């Protein structure tokens, strides 16, 4: 992202979530606030996206990763997780429509510039900020996640669920694995959901590579891609004992079976890793 400006990839992802509510009627996941937080731009974006196949691939991947994360969070909450950390929150609206109630403490972590922008949009849309939400301003490349969370009252002894969507490809490997090591070491136990892409040439993904091309066009260049087997091995070495990884085939079978066509024949991966 550019200094002093909010993340353009955050805007792009938010636009895909909002347009999904219009063009696919939220069939993958429903978010009544996705369009509201964007204001009039949501309707304009939906009109521009009609009939654009490449946009549809990107949009459905964004919708699927959000649905996957929210499904996993619901299961984690039923098993005792009482903290949610949204890493690189962007314009994610989960905290403002949270169906799990006030028992779930939510921490939104993002760059200060993006966070300020989001709070302005929330105010303009008259979307109230819940009492169980805490904003945690952190620059992932310059500050540690641990320091930022500790300052804002995060309890490492409570079981915690992390979402990290649309962020990992734009960080250095060092920043990615530093964050994952922190999550794996939490004494209360944790799970994390994130998306990633394979190296170029391995899986020519229409969805993930399309997202990365658009990010590069606005100055947010992809930095990290991973071989699936190698990534799993590194996660296990950090202490993640259970890994669920959906690639294009897994995504298609879970979310599009029986619906005709294969909108995500190629693309990125969505992964859930559990530590203890």
C-alpha atoms as a PDB file:
ATOM      1  CA  UNK A   1       0.000   0.000   0.000  1.00  0.00           C
ATOM      2  CA  UNK A   2       1.091   3.583  -0.562  1.00  0.00           C
ATOM      3  CA  UNK A   3       2.235   5.650   2.458  1.00  0.00           C
ATOM      4  CA  UNK A   4      -0.613   7.662   3.944  1.00  0.00           C
ATOM      5  CA  UNK A   5      -3.262   5.823   1.904  1.00  0.00           C
ATOM      6  CA  UNK A   6      -5.602   2.936   2.741  1.00  0.00           C
ATOM      7  CA  UNK A   7      -5.047  -0.476   1.183  1.00  0.00           C
ATOM      8  CA  UNK A   8      -6.357  -0.738  -2.382  1.00  0.00           C
ATOM      9  CA  UNK A   9      -6.514  -4.525  -2.092  1.00  0.00           C
ATOM     10  CA  UNK A  10      -8.841  -4.062   0.891  1.00  0.00           C
ATOM     11  CA  UNK A  11     -11.116  -1.948  -1.291  1.00  0.00           C
ATOM     12  CA  UNK A  12     -10.988  -4.527  -4.077  1.00  0.00           C
ATOM     13  CA  UNK A  13     -11.914  -7.409  -1.766  1.00  0.00           C
ATOM     14  CA  UNK A  14     -14.731  -5.387  -0.196  1.00  0.00           C
ATOM     15  CA  UNK A  15     -16.076  -4.580  -3.654  1.00  0.00           C
ATOM     16  CA  UNK A  16     -16.096  -8.273  -4.615  1.00  0.00           C
ATOM     17  CA  UNK A  17     -17.994  -9.138  -1.422  1.00  0.00           C
ATOM     18  CA  UNK A  18     -20.558  -6.416  -2.099  1.00  0.00           C
ATOM     19  CA  UNK A  19     -21.014  -7.327  -5.765  1.00  0.00           C
ATOM     20  CA  UNK A  20     -21.496 -10.982  -4.799  1.00  0.00           C
ATOM     21  CA  UNK A  21     -24.566  -9.930  -2.813  1.00  0.00           C
ATOM     22  CA  UNK A  22     -26.019  -8.379  -5.985  1.00  0.00           C
ATOM     23  CA  UNK A  23     -24.989 -10.577  -8.906  1.00  0.00           C
ATOM     24  CA  UNK A  24     -25.077 -13.971  -7.142  1.00  0.00           C
ATOM     25  CA  UNK A  25     -27.595 -12.871  -4.511  1.00  0.00           C
ATOM     26  CA  UNK A  26     -25.149 -13.846  -1.768  1.00  0.00           C
ATOM     27  CA  UNK A  27     -25.467 -17.547  -2.561  1.00  0.00           C
ATOM     28  CA  UNK A  28     -22.015 -18.382  -1.154  1.00  0.00           C
ATOM     29  CA  UNK A  29     -22.230 -16.099   1.862  1.00  0.00           C
ATOM     30  CA  UNK A  30     -24.649 -13.410   2.954  1.00  0.00           C
ATOM     31  CA  UNK A  31     -23.400 -10.014   4.115  1.00  0.00           C
ATOM     32  CA  UNK A  32     -26.038  -7.286   4.502  1.00  0.00           C
ATOM     33  CA  UNK A  33     -23.347  -4.710   5.324  1.00  0.00           C
ATOM     34  CA  UNK A  34     -20.995  -5.383   2.390  1.00  0.00           C
ATOM     35  CA  UNK A  35     -22.704  -2.875   0.110  1.00  0.00           C
ATOM     36  CA  UNK A  36     -23.658  -0.454   2.842  1.00  0.00           C
ATOM     37  CA  UNK A  37     -20.082   0.199   3.970  1.00  0.00           C
ATOM     38  CA  UNK A  38     -19.099   1.096   0.378  1.00  0.00           C
ATOM     39  CA  UNK A  39     -22.029   3.424  -0.209  1.00  0.00           C
ATOM     40  CA  UNK A  40     -23.108   4.249  -3.799  1.00  0.00           C
ATOM     41  CA  UNK A  41     -19.928   2.688  -5.211  1.00  0.00           C
ATOM     42  CA  UNK A  42     -21.329  -0.800  -4.524  1.00  0.00           C
ATOM     43  CA  UNK A  43     -24.144  -0.442  -7.064  1.00  0.00           C
ATOM     44  CA  UNK A  44     -21.791   1.070  -9.652  1.00  0.00           C
ATOM     45  CA  UNK A  45     -19.325  -1.780  -9.198  1.00  0.00           C
ATOM     46  CA  UNK A  46     -22.069  -4.376  -9.653  1.00  0.00           C
ATOM     47  CA  UNK A  47     -23.125  -2.773 -12.933  1.00  0.00           C
ATOM     48  CA  UNK A  48     -19.516  -2.742 -14.209  1.00  0.00           C
ATOM     49  CA  UNK A  49     -18.988  -6.394 -13.254  1.00  0.00           C
ATOM     50  CA  UNK A  50     -22.006  -7.803 -15.109  1.00  0.00           C
ATOM     51  CA  UNK A  51     -20.902 -10.305 -17.745  1.00  0.00           C
ATOM     52  CA  UNK A  52     -17.196 -10.061 -16.831  1.00  0.00           C
ATOM     53  CA  UNK A  53     -16.035 -13.677 -16.471  1.00  0.00           C
ATOM     54  CA  UNK A  54     -12.616 -12.847 -15.000  1.00  0.00           C
ATOM     55  CA  UNK A  55     -14.242 -10.634 -12.378  1.00  0.00           C
ATOM     56  CA  UNK A  56     -16.614 -13.471 -11.533  1.00  0.00           C
ATOM     57  CA  UNK A  57     -13.691 -15.844 -10.880  1.00  0.00           C
ATOM     58  CA  UNK A  58     -12.115 -13.336  -8.492  1.00  0.00           C
ATOM     59  CA  UNK A  59     -15.414 -12.502  -6.831  1.00  0.00           C
ATOM     60  CA  UNK A  60     -16.325 -16.130  -6.161  1.00  0.00           C
ATOM     61  CA  UNK A  61     -12.893 -16.887  -4.714  1.00  0.00           C
ATOM     62  CA  UNK A  62     -13.241 -13.939  -2.320  1.00  0.00           C
ATOM     63  CA  UNK A  63     -16.761 -15.088  -1.398  1.00  0.00           C
ATOM     64  CA  UNK A  64     -15.635 -18.672  -0.823  1.00  0.00           C
ATOM     65  CA  UNK A  65     -12.696 -17.776   1.410  1.00  0.00           C
ATOM     66  CA  UNK A  66     -14.991 -15.583   3.529  1.00  0.00           C
ATOM     67  CA  UNK A  67     -17.602 -18.342   3.817  1.00  0.00           C
ATOM     68  CA  UNK A  68     -14.933 -20.926   4.679  1.00  0.00           C
ATOM     69  CA  UNK A  69     -13.550 -18.706   7.445  1.00  0.00           C
ATOM     70  CA  UNK A  70     -16.955 -17.907   8.929  1.00  0.00           C
ATOM     71  CA  UNK A  71     -18.006 -21.572   8.904  1.00  0.00           C
ATOM     72  CA  UNK A  72     -14.773 -22.539  10.678  1.00  0.00           C
ATOM     73  CA  UNK A  73     -15.222 -19.731  13.213  1.00  0.00           C
ATOM     74  CA  UNK A  74     -18.707 -20.948  14.075  1.00  0.00           C
ATOM     75  CA  UNK A  75     -17.322 -24.437  14.752  1.00  0.00           C
ATOM     76  CA  UNK A  76     -14.439 -23.017  16.800  1.00  0.00           C
ATOM     77  CA  UNK A  77     -16.833 -20.956  18.920  1.00  0.00           C
ATOM     78  CA  UNK A  78     -18.920 -24.053  19.644  1.00  0.00           C
ATOM     79  CA  UNK A  79     -15.702 -25.713  20.858  1.00  0.00           C
ATOM     80  CA  UNK A  80     -14.743 -22.891  23.195  1.00  0.00           C
ATOM     81  CA  UNK A  81     -12.975 -20.158  21.208  1.00  0.00           C
ATOM     82  CA  UNK A  82     -13.869 -16.784  22.696  1.00  0.00           C
ATOM     83  CA  UNK A  83     -11.503 -14.430  20.858  1.00  0.00           C
ATOM     84  CA  UNK A  84     -11.474 -13.600  17.143  1.00  0.00           C
ATOM     85  CA  UNK A  85      -8.519 -11.768  15.624  1.00  0.00           C
ATOM     86  CA  UNK A  86      -9.096 -10.435  12.101  1.00  0.00           C
ATOM     87  CA  UNK A  87      -5.641  -9.872  10.613  1.00  0.00           C
ATOM     88  CA  UNK A  88      -5.586  -7.312   7.818  1.00  0.00           C
ATOM     89  CA  UNK A  89      -9.265  -6.614   8.469  1.00  0.00           C
ATOM     90  CA  UNK A  90      -9.730  -4.112   5.645  1.00  0.00           C
ATOM     91  CA  UNK A  91     -13.451  -3.478   5.216  1.00  0.00           C
ATOM     92  CA  UNK A  92     -14.479  -6.855   6.621  1.00  0.00           C
ATOM     93  CA  UNK A  93     -17.880  -6.489   8.293  1.00  0.00           C
ATOM     94  CA  UNK A  94     -18.064  -9.603  10.460  1.00  0.00           C
ATOM     95  CA  UNK A  95     -17.651  -7.715  13.746  1.00  0.00           C
ATOM     96  CA  UNK A  96     -20.634  -5.501  12.920  1.00  0.00           C
ATOM     97  CA  UNK A  97     -23.015  -8.365  12.069  1.00  0.00           C
ATOM     98  CA  UNK A  98     -21.580 -10.978  14.441  1.00  0.00           C
ATOM     99  CA  UNK A  99     -24.202 -13.709  15.015  1.00  0.00           C
ATOM    100  CA  UNK A 100     -22.265 -15.242  17.920  1.00  0.00           C
ATOM    101  CA  UNK A 101     -22.985 -12.379  20.289  1.00  0.00           C
ATOM    102  CA  UNK A 102     -20.999 -10.527  22.923  1.00  0.00           C
ATOM    103  CA  UNK A 103     -19.277 -13.646  24.285  1.00  0.00           C
ATOM    104  CA  UNK A 104     -16.881 -13.352  21.342  1.00  0.00           C
ATOM    105  CA  UNK A 105     -14.226 -10.656  21.829  1.00  0.00           C
ATOM    106  CA  UNK A 106     -13.104  -9.359  18.434  1.00  0.00           C
ATOM    107  CA  UNK A 107      -9.810  -7.650  17.566  1.00  0.00           C
ATOM    108  CA  UNK A 108      -9.404  -6.052  14.137  1.00  0.00           C
ATOM    109  CA  UNK A 109      -5.736  -5.712  13.210  1.00  0.00           C
ATOM    110  CA  UNK A 110      -4.714  -3.502  10.303  1.00  0.00           C
ATOM    111  CA  UNK A 111      -2.436  -0.729   9.124  1.00  0.00           C
ATOM    112  CA  UNK A 112      -3.349   2.556  10.871  1.00  0.00           C
ATOM    113  CA  UNK A 113      -4.167   4.327   7.579  1.00  0.00           C
ATOM    114  CA  UNK A 114      -6.559   1.587   6.460  1.00  0.00           C
ATOM    115  CA  UNK A 115      -8.140   1.453   9.896  1.00  0.00           C
ATOM    116  CA  UNK A 116      -8.793   5.205   9.951  1.00  0.00           C
ATOM    117  CA  UNK A 117     -10.367   4.979   6.489  1.00  0.00           C
ATOM    118  CA  UNK A 118     -12.619   2.114   7.563  1.00  0.00           C
ATOM    119  CA  UNK A 119     -13.820   3.972  10.642  1.00  0.00           C
ATOM    120  CA  UNK A 120     -14.746   6.961   8.478  1.00  0.00           C
ATOM    121  CA  UNK A 121     -16.750   4.732   6.130  1.00  0.00           C
ATOM    122  CA  UNK A 122     -18.517   3.072   9.062  1.00  0.00           C
ATOM    123  CA  UNK A 123     -19.497   6.469  10.434  1.00  0.00           C
ATOM    124  CA  UNK A 124     -20.741   7.663   7.025  1.00  0.00           C
ATOM    125  CA  UNK A 125     -22.825   4.484   6.662  1.00  0.00           C
ATOM    126  CA  UNK A 126     -24.168   4.800  10.228  1.00  0.00           C
ATOM    127  CA  UNK A 127     -22.923   1.303  11.066  1.00  0.00           C
ATOM    128  CA  UNK A 128     -22.452   1.137  14.858  1.00  0.00           C
ATOM    129  CA  UNK A 129     -19.226  -0.195  16.382  1.00  0.00           C
ATOM    130  CA  UNK A 130     -20.008  -2.957  18.917  1.00  0.00           C
ATOM    131  CA  UNK A 131     -18.629  -2.863  22.450  1.00  0.00           C
ATOM    132  CA  UNK A 132     -16.869  -6.213  22.018  1.00  0.00           C
ATOM    133  CA  UNK A 133     -14.696  -4.915  19.138  1.00  0.00           C
ATOM    134  CA  UNK A 134     -11.185  -3.544  19.651  1.00  0.00           C
ATOM    135  CA  UNK A 135      -9.133  -1.881  16.901  1.00  0.00           C
ATOM    136  CA  UNK A 136      -5.440  -2.827  16.868  1.00  0.00           C
ATOM    137  CA  UNK A 137      -3.287  -0.631  14.585  1.00  0.00           C
ATOM    138  CA  UNK A 138      -0.242  -2.619  13.375  1.00  0.00           C
ATOM    139  CA  UNK A 139       2.075  -2.392  10.375  1.00  0.00           C
ATOM    140  CA  UNK A 140       2.906  -6.083   9.822  1.00  0.00           C
ATOM    141  CA  UNK A 141       6.260  -5.272   8.228  1.00  0.00           C
ATOM    142  CA  UNK A 142       7.490  -2.987  11.053  1.00  0.00           C
ATOM    143  CA  UNK A 143       5.767  -4.096  14.267  1.00  0.00           C
ATOM    144  CA  UNK A 144       5.037  -7.419  15.891  1.00  0.00           C
ATOM    145  CA  UNK A 145       1.514  -8.721  16.146  1.00  0.00           C
ATOM    146  CA  UNK A 146       2.188  -9.736  19.736  1.00  0.00           C
ATOM    147  CA  UNK A 147       3.069  -6.196  20.809  1.00  0.00           C
ATOM    148  CA  UNK A 148       0.010  -4.711  19.121  1.00  0.00           C
ATOM    149  CA  UNK A 149      -2.418  -7.223  20.606  1.00  0.00           C
ATOM    150  CA  UNK A 150      -0.908  -7.057  24.092  1.00  0.00           C
ATOM    151  CA  UNK A 151      -1.349  -3.290  24.200  1.00  0.00           C
ATOM    152  CA  UNK A 152      -5.056  -3.664  23.390  1.00  0.00           C
ATOM    153  CA  UNK A 153      -6.008  -6.270  25.986  1.00  0.00           C
ATOM    154  CA  UNK A 154      -5.712  -9.530  24.058  1.00  0.00           C
ATOM    155  CA  UNK A 155      -5.631 -12.564  26.388  1.00  0.00           C
ATOM    156  CA  UNK A 156      -3.147 -15.210  25.134  1.00  0.00           C
ATOM    157  CA  UNK A 157      -4.625 -17.720  27.569  1.00  0.00           C
ATOM    158  CA  UNK A 158      -8.012 -17.781  25.823  1.00  0.00           C
ATOM    159  CA  UNK A 159      -8.638 -20.038  22.854  1.00  0.00           C
ATOM    160  CA  UNK A 160      -8.491 -17.805  19.778  1.00  0.00           C
ATOM    161  CA  UNK A 161      -9.535 -17.958  16.139  1.00  0.00           C
ATOM    162  CA  UNK A 162      -7.592 -15.925  13.559  1.00  0.00           C
ATOM    163  CA  UNK A 163      -8.707 -14.964  10.063  1.00  0.00           C
ATOM    164  CA  UNK A 164      -6.034 -13.721   7.660  1.00  0.00           C
ATOM    165  CA  UNK A 165      -7.688 -13.303   4.277  1.00  0.00           C
ATOM    166  CA  UNK A 166      -6.143 -11.652   1.245  1.00  0.00           C
ATOM    167  CA  UNK A 167      -2.984 -10.693   3.130  1.00  0.00           C
ATOM    168  CA  UNK A 168      -0.389 -13.483   3.066  1.00  0.00           C
ATOM    169  CA  UNK A 169       0.542 -13.127  -0.651  1.00  0.00           C
ATOM    170  CA  UNK A 170       1.581  -9.491  -0.072  1.00  0.00           C
ATOM    171  CA  UNK A 171       3.877 -10.104   2.907  1.00  0.00           C
ATOM    172  CA  UNK A 172       7.451 -11.362   2.999  1.00  0.00           C
ATOM    173  CA  UNK A 173       7.958 -14.995   3.994  1.00  0.00           C
ATOM    174  CA  UNK A 174       9.665 -13.765   7.150  1.00  0.00           C
ATOM    175  CA  UNK A 175       6.602 -11.727   8.148  1.00  0.00           C
ATOM    176  CA  UNK A 176       4.254 -14.616   7.307  1.00  0.00           C
ATOM    177  CA  UNK A 177       6.064 -17.214   9.389  1.00  0.00           C
ATOM    178  CA  UNK A 178       6.773 -14.837  12.256  1.00  0.00           C
ATOM    179  CA  UNK A 179       3.028 -14.271  12.568  1.00  0.00           C
ATOM    180  CA  UNK A 180       2.251 -17.982  12.253  1.00  0.00           C
ATOM    181  CA  UNK A 181       4.846 -18.812  14.923  1.00  0.00           C
ATOM    182  CA  UNK A 182       3.170 -16.374  17.316  1.00  0.00           C
ATOM    183  CA  UNK A 183      -0.241 -17.947  16.667  1.00  0.00           C
ATOM    184  CA  UNK A 184       1.056 -21.509  17.092  1.00  0.00           C
ATOM    185  CA  UNK A 185       2.710 -20.672  20.424  1.00  0.00           C
ATOM    186  CA  UNK A 186      -0.357 -19.183  22.126  1.00  0.00           C
ATOM    187  CA  UNK A 187      -0.876 -21.094  25.391  1.00  0.00           C
ATOM    188  CA  UNK A 188      -4.663 -21.074  25.072  1.00  0.00           C
ATOM    189  CA  UNK A 189      -4.581 -22.770  21.673  1.00  0.00           C
ATOM    190  CA  UNK A 190      -5.518 -21.252  18.328  1.00  0.00           C
ATOM    191  CA  UNK A 191      -6.690 -21.774  14.772  1.00  0.00           C
ATOM    192  CA  UNK A 192      -5.961 -19.648  11.722  1.00  0.00           C
ATOM    193  CA  UNK A 193      -7.561 -19.434   8.271  1.00  0.00           C
ATOM    194  CA  UNK A 194      -5.590 -17.872   5.417  1.00  0.00           C
ATOM    195  CA  UNK A 195      -5.391 -18.058   1.638  1.00  0.00           C
ATOM    196  CA  UNK A 196      -2.285 -18.511  -0.475  1.00  0.00           C
ATOM    197  CA  UNK A 197      -1.146 -19.228  -4.008  1.00  0.00           C
ATOM    198  CA  UNK A 198       1.249 -21.798  -5.458  1.00  0.00           C
ATOM    199  CA  UNK A 199       4.373 -20.637  -7.324  1.00  0.00           C
ATOM    200  CA  UNK A 200       3.829 -19.438 -10.924  1.00  0.00           C
ATOM    201  CA  UNK A 201       3.805 -22.323 -13.366  1.00  0.00           C
ATOM    202  CA  UNK A 202       2.729 -24.902 -10.811  1.00  0.00           C
ATOM    203  CA  UNK A 203      -0.976 -24.043 -10.877  1.00  0.00           C
ATOM    204  CA  UNK A 204      -1.876 -21.261 -13.329  1.00  0.00           C
ATOM    205  CA  UNK A 205      -4.683 -19.969 -11.138  1.00  0.00           C
ATOM    206  CA  UNK A 206      -7.261 -17.713 -12.689  1.00  0.00           C
ATOM    207  CA  UNK A 207      -8.559 -16.486  -9.336  1.00  0.00           C
ATOM    208  CA  UNK A 208      -5.410 -16.018  -7.251  1.00  0.00           C
ATOM    209  CA  UNK A 209      -3.273 -14.709 -10.109  1.00  0.00           C
ATOM    210  CA  UNK A 210      -6.030 -12.326 -11.138  1.00  0.00           C
ATOM    211  CA  UNK A 211      -6.188 -10.888  -7.629  1.00  0.00           C
ATOM    212  CA  UNK A 212      -2.424 -10.469  -7.578  1.00  0.00           C
ATOM    213  CA  UNK A 213      -2.300  -8.759 -10.989  1.00  0.00           C
ATOM    214  CA  UNK A 214      -4.875  -6.209  -9.882  1.00  0.00           C
ATOM    215  CA  UNK A 215      -3.018  -5.635  -6.630  1.00  0.00           C
ATOM    216  CA  UNK A 216       0.251  -5.042  -8.477  1.00  0.00           C
ATOM    217  CA  UNK A 217      -1.490  -2.512 -10.713  1.00  0.00           C
ATOM    218  CA  UNK A 218      -2.205  -0.332  -7.666  1.00  0.00           C
ATOM    219  CA  UNK A 219       1.239  -0.735  -6.119  1.00  0.00           C
ATOM    220  CA  UNK A 220       0.668  -3.740  -3.836  1.00  0.00           C
ATOM    221  CA  UNK A 221       2.908  -6.416  -5.291  1.00  0.00           C
ATOM    222  CA  UNK A 222       2.673 -10.109  -4.358  1.00  0.00           C
ATOM    223  CA  UNK A 223       5.714 -11.332  -2.433  1.00  0.00           C
ATOM    224  CA  UNK A 224       4.993 -14.846  -1.186  1.00  0.00           C
ATOM    225  CA  UNK A 225       3.754 -18.041  -2.820  1.00  0.00           C
ATOM    226  CA  UNK A 226       4.153 -21.545  -1.436  1.00  0.00           C
ATOM    227  CA  UNK A 227       4.430 -25.145  -2.555  1.00  0.00           C
ATOM    228  CA  UNK A 228       1.578 -26.892  -0.751  1.00  0.00           C
ATOM    229  CA  UNK A 229       3.577 -29.805   0.701  1.00  0.00           C
ATOM    230  CA  UNK A 230       6.389 -27.523   1.838  1.00  0.00           C
ATOM    231  CA  UNK A 231       3.956 -25.104   3.468  1.00  0.00           C
ATOM    232  CA  UNK A 232       2.239 -27.928   5.352  1.00  0.00           C
ATOM    233  CA  UNK A 233       5.610 -29.203   6.598  1.00  0.00           C
ATOM    234  CA  UNK A 234       6.582 -25.754   7.858  1.00  0.00           C
ATOM    235  CA  UNK A 235       3.224 -25.345   9.592  1.00  0.00           C
ATOM    236  CA  UNK A 236       3.665 -28.672  11.375  1.00  0.00           C
ATOM    237  CA  UNK A 237       7.172 -27.665  12.420  1.00  0.00           C
ATOM    238  CA  UNK A 238       5.683 -24.577  14.064  1.00  0.00           C
ATOM    239  CA  UNK A 239       3.209 -26.681  16.030  1.00  0.00           C
ATOM    240  CA  UNK A 240       0.099 -26.763  13.852  1.00  0.00           C
ATOM    241  CA  UNK A 241      -1.070 -30.342  14.214  1.00  0.00           C
ATOM    242  CA  UNK A 242      -4.169 -30.342  11.997  1.00  0.00           C
ATOM    243  CA  UNK A 243      -4.346 -28.777   8.538  1.00  0.00           C
ATOM    244  CA  UNK A 244      -7.325 -28.540   6.192  1.00  0.00           C
ATOM    245  CA  UNK A 245      -6.346 -27.176   2.781  1.00  0.00           C
ATOM    246  CA  UNK A 246      -8.855 -26.609  -0.018  1.00  0.00           C
ATOM    247  CA  UNK A 247      -7.379 -26.097  -3.463  1.00  0.00           C
ATOM    248  CA  UNK A 248      -9.459 -25.511  -6.602  1.00  0.00           C
ATOM    249  CA  UNK A 249     -10.859 -29.061  -6.667  1.00  0.00           C
ATOM    250  CA  UNK A 250     -11.747 -29.033  -2.977  1.00  0.00           C
ATOM    251  CA  UNK A 251     -13.388 -25.623  -3.301  1.00  0.00           C
ATOM    252  CA  UNK A 252     -15.404 -26.767  -6.305  1.00  0.00           C
ATOM    253  CA  UNK A 253     -16.575 -29.954  -4.574  1.00  0.00           C
ATOM    254  CA  UNK A 254     -17.570 -28.221  -1.351  1.00  0.00           C
ATOM    255  CA  UNK A 255     -19.158 -25.021  -2.596  1.00  0.00           C
ATOM    256  CA  UNK A 256     -20.231 -25.619  -6.199  1.00  0.00           C
ATOM    257  CA  UNK A 257     -21.167 -29.304  -6.452  1.00  0.00           C
ATOM    258  CA  UNK A 258     -24.455 -29.759  -8.291  1.00  0.00           C
ATOM    259  CA  UNK A 259     -24.664 -26.111  -9.285  1.00  0.00           C
ATOM    260  CA  UNK A 260     -23.424 -26.573 -12.831  1.00  0.00           C
ATOM    261  CA  UNK A 261     -20.151 -25.419 -14.300  1.00  0.00           C
ATOM    262  CA  UNK A 262     -16.816 -25.126 -12.533  1.00  0.00           C
ATOM    263  CA  UNK A 263     -16.267 -21.428 -11.821  1.00  0.00           C
ATOM    264  CA  UNK A 264     -13.007 -22.031  -9.944  1.00  0.00           C
ATOM    265  CA  UNK A 265     -11.234 -24.663 -12.034  1.00  0.00           C
ATOM    266  CA  UNK A 266      -7.931 -23.057 -11.116  1.00  0.00           C
ATOM    267  CA  UNK A 267      -6.921 -20.649  -8.411  1.00  0.00           C
ATOM    268  CA  UNK A 268      -5.694 -20.222  -4.877  1.00  0.00           C
ATOM    269  CA  UNK A 269      -5.889 -22.300  -1.731  1.00  0.00           C
ATOM    270  CA  UNK A 270      -7.779 -21.681   1.508  1.00  0.00           C
ATOM    271  CA  UNK A 271      -6.230 -23.262   4.589  1.00  0.00           C
ATOM    272  CA  UNK A 272      -7.319 -23.885   8.190  1.00  0.00           C
ATOM    273  CA  UNK A 273      -4.506 -24.746  10.607  1.00  0.00           C
ATOM    274  CA  UNK A 274      -5.053 -25.819  14.212  1.00  0.00           C
ATOM    275  CA  UNK A 275      -2.468 -25.578  16.987  1.00  0.00           C
ATOM    276  CA  UNK A 276      -3.373 -27.702  20.039  1.00  0.00           C
END
